[in-house]
Structure formats: structure tokens, C-alpha cells
Amino acid sequence: MHIADAAIKGILVGLFMAISVGPTLFAIIRYSLNFSYKAGLAFVLGVSVSDALYVTIANIAASWLQYLAPYQKYIGLGGAVALMSIGLIGLLRKLKPKRPSSAQIAISGGDIFRIWMSGFLVNTLNPGVFITWLGAVAITASTSGLYRFVLFGTALVIILGIDFSKVFLADRIKRLLTVRKVIYVQRFSAACILFIGIALMVGTILNVHSAGEGSEINRILTR
């Protein structure tokens, strides 16, 4: 029952974080449409490594993450700049109309690494992710190591699985879209990323923190 409770809460935490609308969703759509599902997978794996790193460090050395708390403003500004850069590049980039097809698009190893790194940085520099994982670890600090392993392991697997499904869904939808609609979706995704970056920067500068995510995770873990 103890482990089952951890698994259930892990599923709920994973579903909440994976379904939440944020920069990751729009970046997945953008990379999958611009390149192929391989680009989307590279971005998702970068995000997943960042999540796993946060969870591991928070569980092993929570005090180290708490040491970063005073620098949360700078982390937020860094994340905002990264998101705004991705959004601006997507908006200003001249898109060449190409009819979507099932053909594989060549993508180099350097491109894969660059996209992977963008996923890692976008997630790592997102204060919401930092606060959520640190808060979740703090709430479960009094539980056993096995309980936390099952809870966070389940959450990470759920997040990765849903993000993978987003990639393949975007790739499938891409084949059904007309050339003009593909461009519209690409522009919309880039605009959303830019808007999220601007909102993050304004919120960071004005010291406005949304307690929504943290409070939801708190409710899930304290049931």
C-alpha cells in the first residue's frame, strides 16, 4: 500500500506537469514541424535529463538547491532570454513553403545536440520547474528513500512518455496539414514561446510568482 500510494501520487504529479501548457509544448511542436520527429525527441530528452537532474540533486542535496534560491531572479531572467530568443528566431526566420510529407528530413548530429541542449536549458532555467521539484522533494522529505524513488521515478516516466506522444502526434498532424497551415502553426508556436518568455521576464523583474503549480503539487502530495 505504501508503494502503491507513491506510484499513484507519482502518476498524478507526472500527469499534472506533462499536461500543463508551457514552453515545452510549443517548442516540441515547433521543432517537430521544422525538422522531424527526431528533433522533437532530442528536445524532449534534453528536458527529461534536466528534470532527472533536478530531482536527483534535490533528493541527494536539497540544501544545495536551496542555496540557489537567492539567485532565482537571475535564473528566471536567463530562462526568459532563452525563451524569447527561441520565439524571435522562429518568428523572424524566413520559412520556405514545403509540402509536408512522410519523407525523412536529414538532420545532422550537431543539430540534434543543439536541439537537445535547448531543451535542457529551457527546462533548467524555468523557475517554475525549479520551484515545483524542490517543493515536491521538501514535502516528501520525511518519507523513505524507496517511497521517493517510486514517486519521482513514476512521475519522470509519465512526463517522458507523454512528451514522446506529443512529438509523434505533432509529426502525424504535420503530414495532414497544408503548406500554409504548417507555416501558421510554426508562427503560432514561436509567438507562444516568445509570449511566455516575455511573461516570465516581466514576472521575474516585478517579483511576481505564481503559486498555482506549487499549490497543485502540494495538494497532490499531501492527500
C-alpha atoms as a PDB file:
ATOM      1  CA  MET A   1       0.000   0.000   0.000  1.00  0.00           C
ATOM      2  CA  HIS A   2       2.924   2.271   0.856  1.00  0.00           C
ATOM      3  CA  ILE A   3       4.497   1.770  -2.590  1.00  0.00           C
ATOM      4  CA  ALA A   4       1.135   1.876  -4.342  1.00  0.00           C
ATOM      5  CA  ASP A   5       0.474   5.278  -2.781  1.00  0.00           C
ATOM      6  CA  ALA A   6       3.842   6.530  -4.064  1.00  0.00           C
ATOM      7  CA  ALA A   7       3.104   5.215  -7.567  1.00  0.00           C
ATOM      8  CA  ILE A   8      -0.359   6.814  -7.666  1.00  0.00           C
ATOM      9  CA  LYS A   9       0.974  10.181  -6.494  1.00  0.00           C
ATOM     10  CA  GLY A  10       3.833   9.882  -8.980  1.00  0.00           C
ATOM     11  CA  ILE A  11       1.331   9.344 -11.800  1.00  0.00           C
ATOM     12  CA  LEU A  12      -0.684  12.392 -10.687  1.00  0.00           C
ATOM     13  CA  VAL A  13       2.405  14.607 -10.423  1.00  0.00           C
ATOM     14  CA  GLY A  14       3.627  13.392 -13.825  1.00  0.00           C
ATOM     15  CA  LEU A  15       0.259  13.984 -15.481  1.00  0.00           C
ATOM     16  CA  PHE A  16      -0.043  17.468 -13.989  1.00  0.00           C
ATOM     17  CA  MET A  17       3.415  18.565 -15.113  1.00  0.00           C
ATOM     18  CA  ALA A  18       3.206  16.937 -18.559  1.00  0.00           C
ATOM     19  CA  ILE A  19      -0.244  18.291 -19.411  1.00  0.00           C
ATOM     20  CA  SER A  20       0.452  21.813 -18.128  1.00  0.00           C
ATOM     21  CA  VAL A  21       0.701  24.236 -21.041  1.00  0.00           C
ATOM     22  CA  GLY A  22       4.159  25.765 -21.144  1.00  0.00           C
ATOM     23  CA  PRO A  23       7.137  26.495 -23.406  1.00  0.00           C
ATOM     24  CA  THR A  24       7.971  22.799 -23.753  1.00  0.00           C
ATOM     25  CA  LEU A  25       4.716  22.017 -25.562  1.00  0.00           C
ATOM     26  CA  PHE A  26       5.152  24.767 -28.153  1.00  0.00           C
ATOM     27  CA  ALA A  27       8.860  24.034 -28.605  1.00  0.00           C
ATOM     28  CA  ILE A  28       8.057  20.374 -29.311  1.00  0.00           C
ATOM     29  CA  ILE A  29       5.534  21.438 -31.951  1.00  0.00           C
ATOM     30  CA  ARG A  30       7.985  23.915 -33.483  1.00  0.00           C
ATOM     31  CA  TYR A  31      10.925  21.503 -33.735  1.00  0.00           C
ATOM     32  CA  SER A  32       8.768  18.614 -34.955  1.00  0.00           C
ATOM     33  CA  LEU A  33       7.287  20.775 -37.725  1.00  0.00           C
ATOM     34  CA  ASN A  34      10.567  22.469 -38.693  1.00  0.00           C
ATOM     35  CA  PHE A  35      12.605  19.261 -38.861  1.00  0.00           C
ATOM     36  CA  SER A  36      11.204  15.838 -37.995  1.00  0.00           C
ATOM     37  CA  TYR A  37      10.180  13.719 -35.046  1.00  0.00           C
ATOM     38  CA  LYS A  38      13.902  13.169 -34.327  1.00  0.00           C
ATOM     39  CA  ALA A  39      14.292  16.860 -33.500  1.00  0.00           C
ATOM     40  CA  GLY A  40      11.272  16.722 -31.212  1.00  0.00           C
ATOM     41  CA  LEU A  41      12.656  13.650 -29.445  1.00  0.00           C
ATOM     42  CA  ALA A  42      16.031  15.368 -28.974  1.00  0.00           C
ATOM     43  CA  PHE A  43      14.320  18.358 -27.343  1.00  0.00           C
ATOM     44  CA  VAL A  44      12.210  16.103 -25.097  1.00  0.00           C
ATOM     45  CA  LEU A  45      15.274  14.118 -23.982  1.00  0.00           C
ATOM     46  CA  GLY A  46      17.012  17.390 -23.067  1.00  0.00           C
ATOM     47  CA  VAL A  47      14.000  18.344 -20.931  1.00  0.00           C
ATOM     48  CA  SER A  48      13.918  14.869 -19.369  1.00  0.00           C
ATOM     49  CA  VAL A  49      17.612  14.963 -18.401  1.00  0.00           C
ATOM     50  CA  SER A  50      17.043  18.381 -16.806  1.00  0.00           C
ATOM     51  CA  ASP A  51      14.059  17.057 -14.809  1.00  0.00           C
ATOM     52  CA  ALA A  52      16.015  13.977 -13.694  1.00  0.00           C
ATOM     53  CA  LEU A  53      18.963  16.179 -12.669  1.00  0.00           C
ATOM     54  CA  TYR A  54      16.721  18.456 -10.593  1.00  0.00           C
ATOM     55  CA  VAL A  55      15.041  15.508  -8.873  1.00  0.00           C
ATOM     56  CA  THR A  56      18.355  13.761  -8.158  1.00  0.00           C
ATOM     57  CA  ILE A  57      20.080  16.852  -6.772  1.00  0.00           C
ATOM     58  CA  ALA A  58      17.006  17.838  -4.757  1.00  0.00           C
ATOM     59  CA  ASN A  59      16.858  14.383  -3.132  1.00  0.00           C
ATOM     60  CA  ILE A  60      20.579  13.984  -2.542  1.00  0.00           C
ATOM     61  CA  ALA A  61      21.499  17.567  -1.699  1.00  0.00           C
ATOM     62  CA  ALA A  62      18.359  19.645  -1.169  1.00  0.00           C
ATOM     63  CA  SER A  63      20.410  22.228   0.727  1.00  0.00           C
ATOM     64  CA  TRP A  64      22.441  22.867  -2.449  1.00  0.00           C
ATOM     65  CA  LEU A  65      19.298  23.696  -4.418  1.00  0.00           C
ATOM     66  CA  GLN A  66      18.075  25.891  -1.567  1.00  0.00           C
ATOM     67  CA  TYR A  67      21.391  27.734  -1.860  1.00  0.00           C
ATOM     68  CA  LEU A  68      20.297  28.690  -5.395  1.00  0.00           C
ATOM     69  CA  ALA A  69      17.061  30.239  -4.117  1.00  0.00           C
ATOM     70  CA  PRO A  70      18.579  33.761  -3.726  1.00  0.00           C
ATOM     71  CA  TYR A  71      19.611  33.549  -7.394  1.00  0.00           C
ATOM     72  CA  GLN A  72      16.122  32.624  -8.556  1.00  0.00           C
ATOM     73  CA  LYS A  73      15.723  36.057 -10.189  1.00  0.00           C
ATOM     74  CA  TYR A  74      18.815  35.558 -12.339  1.00  0.00           C
ATOM     75  CA  ILE A  75      17.730  32.025 -13.237  1.00  0.00           C
ATOM     76  CA  GLY A  76      14.353  33.415 -14.255  1.00  0.00           C
ATOM     77  CA  LEU A  77      15.915  36.154 -16.393  1.00  0.00           C
ATOM     78  CA  GLY A  78      18.169  33.592 -18.070  1.00  0.00           C
ATOM     79  CA  GLY A  79      15.177  31.384 -18.838  1.00  0.00           C
ATOM     80  CA  ALA A  80      13.223  34.367 -20.161  1.00  0.00           C
ATOM     81  CA  VAL A  81      16.052  35.366 -22.501  1.00  0.00           C
ATOM     82  CA  ALA A  82      16.373  31.781 -23.773  1.00  0.00           C
ATOM     83  CA  LEU A  83      12.625  31.516 -24.477  1.00  0.00           C
ATOM     84  CA  MET A  84      12.439  34.947 -26.097  1.00  0.00           C
ATOM     85  CA  SER A  85      15.405  34.085 -28.326  1.00  0.00           C
ATOM     86  CA  ILE A  86      13.791  30.839 -29.489  1.00  0.00           C
ATOM     87  CA  GLY A  87      10.494  32.638 -30.116  1.00  0.00           C
ATOM     88  CA  LEU A  88      12.088  35.536 -32.009  1.00  0.00           C
ATOM     89  CA  ILE A  89      14.164  33.222 -34.188  1.00  0.00           C
ATOM     90  CA  GLY A  90      11.013  31.268 -35.026  1.00  0.00           C
ATOM     91  CA  LEU A  91       9.079  34.441 -35.906  1.00  0.00           C
ATOM     92  CA  LEU A  92      11.828  36.168 -37.890  1.00  0.00           C
ATOM     93  CA  ARG A  93      13.105  33.091 -39.685  1.00  0.00           C
ATOM     94  CA  LYS A  94      12.113  33.011 -43.331  1.00  0.00           C
ATOM     95  CA  LEU A  95      10.098  29.849 -43.802  1.00  0.00           C
ATOM     96  CA  LYS A  96      10.299  28.128 -47.154  1.00  0.00           C
ATOM     97  CA  PRO A  97       6.937  26.638 -48.122  1.00  0.00           C
ATOM     98  CA  LYS A  98       7.369  22.883 -48.345  1.00  0.00           C
ATOM     99  CA  ARG A  99       4.589  20.393 -48.721  1.00  0.00           C
ATOM    100  CA  PRO A 100       4.538  18.125 -45.658  1.00  0.00           C
ATOM    101  CA  SER A 101       5.350  14.528 -46.416  1.00  0.00           C
ATOM    102  CA  SER A 102       6.325  11.325 -44.695  1.00  0.00           C
ATOM    103  CA  ALA A 103       9.873  11.558 -46.101  1.00  0.00           C
ATOM    104  CA  GLN A 104      12.699  11.658 -43.573  1.00  0.00           C
ATOM    105  CA  ILE A 105      14.343  15.090 -43.233  1.00  0.00           C
ATOM    106  CA  ALA A 106      18.124  14.956 -42.929  1.00  0.00           C
ATOM    107  CA  ILE A 107      19.333  16.360 -39.619  1.00  0.00           C
ATOM    108  CA  SER A 108      22.964  16.380 -38.521  1.00  0.00           C
ATOM    109  CA  GLY A 109      24.376  15.239 -35.210  1.00  0.00           C
ATOM    110  CA  GLY A 110      25.280  18.856 -34.458  1.00  0.00           C
ATOM    111  CA  ASP A 111      21.654  19.910 -34.960  1.00  0.00           C
ATOM    112  CA  ILE A 112      20.486  17.088 -32.687  1.00  0.00           C
ATOM    113  CA  PHE A 113      22.880  18.164 -29.935  1.00  0.00           C
ATOM    114  CA  ARG A 114      21.905  21.841 -30.311  1.00  0.00           C
ATOM    115  CA  ILE A 115      18.197  20.993 -30.035  1.00  0.00           C
ATOM    116  CA  TRP A 116      18.886  18.661 -27.079  1.00  0.00           C
ATOM    117  CA  MET A 117      20.788  21.464 -25.340  1.00  0.00           C
ATOM    118  CA  SER A 118      17.958  23.945 -25.978  1.00  0.00           C
ATOM    119  CA  GLY A 119      15.512  21.531 -24.299  1.00  0.00           C
ATOM    120  CA  PHE A 120      17.872  21.095 -21.352  1.00  0.00           C
ATOM    121  CA  LEU A 121      18.403  24.848 -20.904  1.00  0.00           C
ATOM    122  CA  VAL A 122      14.761  25.880 -21.396  1.00  0.00           C
ATOM    123  CA  ASN A 123      13.701  23.451 -18.673  1.00  0.00           C
ATOM    124  CA  THR A 124      16.644  24.096 -16.330  1.00  0.00           C
ATOM    125  CA  LEU A 125      16.210  27.876 -16.496  1.00  0.00           C
ATOM    126  CA  ASN A 126      12.466  27.706 -15.878  1.00  0.00           C
ATOM    127  CA  PRO A 127      11.869  28.907 -12.272  1.00  0.00           C
ATOM    128  CA  GLY A 128       8.521  27.088 -12.212  1.00  0.00           C
ATOM    129  CA  VAL A 129      10.245  23.738 -12.733  1.00  0.00           C
ATOM    130  CA  PHE A 130      12.866  24.582 -10.105  1.00  0.00           C
ATOM    131  CA  ILE A 131      10.257  25.576  -7.514  1.00  0.00           C
ATOM    132  CA  THR A 132       7.964  22.624  -8.280  1.00  0.00           C
ATOM    133  CA  TRP A 133      10.601  19.898  -7.934  1.00  0.00           C
ATOM    134  CA  LEU A 134      12.210  21.453  -4.860  1.00  0.00           C
ATOM    135  CA  GLY A 135       8.790  21.837  -3.238  1.00  0.00           C
ATOM    136  CA  ALA A 136       7.831  18.244  -4.048  1.00  0.00           C
ATOM    137  CA  VAL A 137      11.056  16.944  -2.521  1.00  0.00           C
ATOM    138  CA  ALA A 138      10.551  19.097   0.590  1.00  0.00           C
ATOM    139  CA  ILE A 139       7.007  17.760   1.060  1.00  0.00           C
ATOM    140  CA  THR A 140       8.176  14.120   0.816  1.00  0.00           C
ATOM    141  CA  ALA A 141      11.401  14.609   2.800  1.00  0.00           C
ATOM    142  CA  SER A 142      10.125  12.574   5.766  1.00  0.00           C
ATOM    143  CA  THR A 143       9.270   9.502   3.634  1.00  0.00           C
ATOM    144  CA  SER A 144      11.579   6.573   2.924  1.00  0.00           C
ATOM    145  CA  GLY A 145      14.102   6.514   0.106  1.00  0.00           C
ATOM    146  CA  LEU A 146      12.145   3.758  -1.669  1.00  0.00           C
ATOM    147  CA  TYR A 147       8.924   5.797  -1.480  1.00  0.00           C
ATOM    148  CA  ARG A 148      10.605   8.846  -3.059  1.00  0.00           C
ATOM    149  CA  PHE A 149      12.303   6.674  -5.689  1.00  0.00           C
ATOM    150  CA  VAL A 150       8.978   5.170  -6.774  1.00  0.00           C
ATOM    151  CA  LEU A 151       7.132   8.523  -6.660  1.00  0.00           C
ATOM    152  CA  PHE A 152       9.650  10.582  -8.615  1.00  0.00           C
ATOM    153  CA  GLY A 153      10.642   7.721 -10.907  1.00  0.00           C
ATOM    154  CA  THR A 154       6.991   7.214 -11.860  1.00  0.00           C
ATOM    155  CA  ALA A 155       6.482  10.959 -12.385  1.00  0.00           C
ATOM    156  CA  LEU A 156       9.529  11.224 -14.666  1.00  0.00           C
ATOM    157  CA  VAL A 157       8.465   8.202 -16.738  1.00  0.00           C
ATOM    158  CA  ILE A 158       4.940   9.616 -17.151  1.00  0.00           C
ATOM    159  CA  ILE A 159       6.286  13.035 -18.198  1.00  0.00           C
ATOM    160  CA  LEU A 160       8.697  11.466 -20.703  1.00  0.00           C
ATOM    161  CA  GLY A 161       6.010   9.169 -22.125  1.00  0.00           C
ATOM    162  CA  ILE A 162       3.503  11.994 -22.637  1.00  0.00           C
ATOM    163  CA  ASP A 163       6.175  14.254 -24.163  1.00  0.00           C
ATOM    164  CA  PHE A 164       7.095  11.461 -26.579  1.00  0.00           C
ATOM    165  CA  SER A 165       3.431  11.144 -27.565  1.00  0.00           C
ATOM    166  CA  LYS A 166       3.333  14.923 -28.238  1.00  0.00           C
ATOM    167  CA  VAL A 167       6.262  14.528 -30.633  1.00  0.00           C
ATOM    168  CA  PHE A 168       4.698  11.707 -32.645  1.00  0.00           C
ATOM    169  CA  LEU A 169       1.300  13.418 -32.632  1.00  0.00           C
ATOM    170  CA  ALA A 170       2.863  16.629 -33.980  1.00  0.00           C
ATOM    171  CA  ASP A 171       4.700  14.620 -36.647  1.00  0.00           C
ATOM    172  CA  ARG A 172       1.485  12.865 -37.651  1.00  0.00           C
ATOM    173  CA  ILE A 173      -0.526  16.105 -37.757  1.00  0.00           C
ATOM    174  CA  LYS A 174       2.245  17.655 -39.853  1.00  0.00           C
ATOM    175  CA  ARG A 175       1.539  15.181 -42.672  1.00  0.00           C
ATOM    176  CA  LEU A 176      -2.137  16.169 -42.715  1.00  0.00           C
ATOM    177  CA  LEU A 177      -1.581  19.930 -42.879  1.00  0.00           C
ATOM    178  CA  THR A 178      -1.394  22.073 -45.970  1.00  0.00           C
ATOM    179  CA  VAL A 179       1.741  24.138 -46.608  1.00  0.00           C
ATOM    180  CA  ARG A 180       0.045  27.355 -45.449  1.00  0.00           C
ATOM    181  CA  LYS A 181      -1.302  25.757 -42.261  1.00  0.00           C
ATOM    182  CA  VAL A 182       2.118  24.347 -41.365  1.00  0.00           C
ATOM    183  CA  ILE A 183       3.547  27.878 -41.555  1.00  0.00           C
ATOM    184  CA  TYR A 184       0.687  29.255 -39.438  1.00  0.00           C
ATOM    185  CA  VAL A 185       1.263  26.606 -36.752  1.00  0.00           C
ATOM    186  CA  GLN A 186       5.016  27.279 -36.765  1.00  0.00           C
ATOM    187  CA  ARG A 187       4.445  31.022 -36.369  1.00  0.00           C
ATOM    188  CA  PHE A 188       1.850  30.487 -33.641  1.00  0.00           C
ATOM    189  CA  SER A 189       4.161  28.165 -31.682  1.00  0.00           C
ATOM    190  CA  ALA A 190       7.044  30.645 -31.947  1.00  0.00           C
ATOM    191  CA  ALA A 191       4.752  33.509 -30.845  1.00  0.00           C
ATOM    192  CA  CYS A 192       3.591  31.494 -27.815  1.00  0.00           C
ATOM    193  CA  ILE A 193       7.186  30.763 -26.794  1.00  0.00           C
ATOM    194  CA  LEU A 194       8.052  34.453 -27.164  1.00  0.00           C
ATOM    195  CA  PHE A 195       4.994  35.482 -25.110  1.00  0.00           C
ATOM    196  CA  ILE A 196       5.849  33.000 -22.337  1.00  0.00           C
ATOM    197  CA  GLY A 197       9.405  34.373 -22.279  1.00  0.00           C
ATOM    198  CA  ILE A 198       8.164  37.966 -22.026  1.00  0.00           C
ATOM    199  CA  ALA A 199       5.693  36.999 -19.281  1.00  0.00           C
ATOM    200  CA  LEU A 200       8.480  35.223 -17.394  1.00  0.00           C
ATOM    201  CA  MET A 201      10.783  38.234 -17.688  1.00  0.00           C
ATOM    202  CA  VAL A 202       8.095  40.696 -16.536  1.00  0.00           C
ATOM    203  CA  GLY A 203       7.105  38.414 -13.657  1.00  0.00           C
ATOM    204  CA  THR A 204      10.741  37.981 -12.625  1.00  0.00           C
ATOM    205  CA  ILE A 205      11.522  41.705 -12.756  1.00  0.00           C
ATOM    206  CA  LEU A 206       8.353  42.593 -10.824  1.00  0.00           C
ATOM    207  CA  ASN A 207       8.957  39.671  -8.461  1.00  0.00           C
ATOM    208  CA  VAL A 208       5.562  38.158  -9.260  1.00  0.00           C
ATOM    209  CA  HIS A 209       5.446  34.440  -8.539  1.00  0.00           C
ATOM    210  CA  SER A 210       2.583  32.200  -9.472  1.00  0.00           C
ATOM    211  CA  ALA A 211       1.733  29.764  -6.726  1.00  0.00           C
ATOM    212  CA  GLY A 212      -0.565  27.749  -8.956  1.00  0.00           C
ATOM    213  CA  GLU A 213       1.790  24.918  -9.832  1.00  0.00           C
ATOM    214  CA  GLY A 214       3.288  24.663  -6.371  1.00  0.00           C
ATOM    215  CA  SER A 215      -0.093  24.625  -4.659  1.00  0.00           C
ATOM    216  CA  GLU A 216      -1.426  21.916  -7.003  1.00  0.00           C
ATOM    217  CA  ILE A 217       1.617  19.700  -6.375  1.00  0.00           C
ATOM    218  CA  ASN A 218       1.198  20.381  -2.651  1.00  0.00           C
ATOM    219  CA  ARG A 219      -2.425  19.166  -2.790  1.00  0.00           C
ATOM    220  CA  ILE A 220      -1.454  16.009  -4.701  1.00  0.00           C
ATOM    221  CA  LEU A 221       1.369  15.031  -2.339  1.00  0.00           C
ATOM    222  CA  THR A 222      -0.422  15.804   0.926  1.00  0.00           C
ATOM    223  CA  ARG A 223      -3.581  13.805   0.193  1.00  0.00           C
END
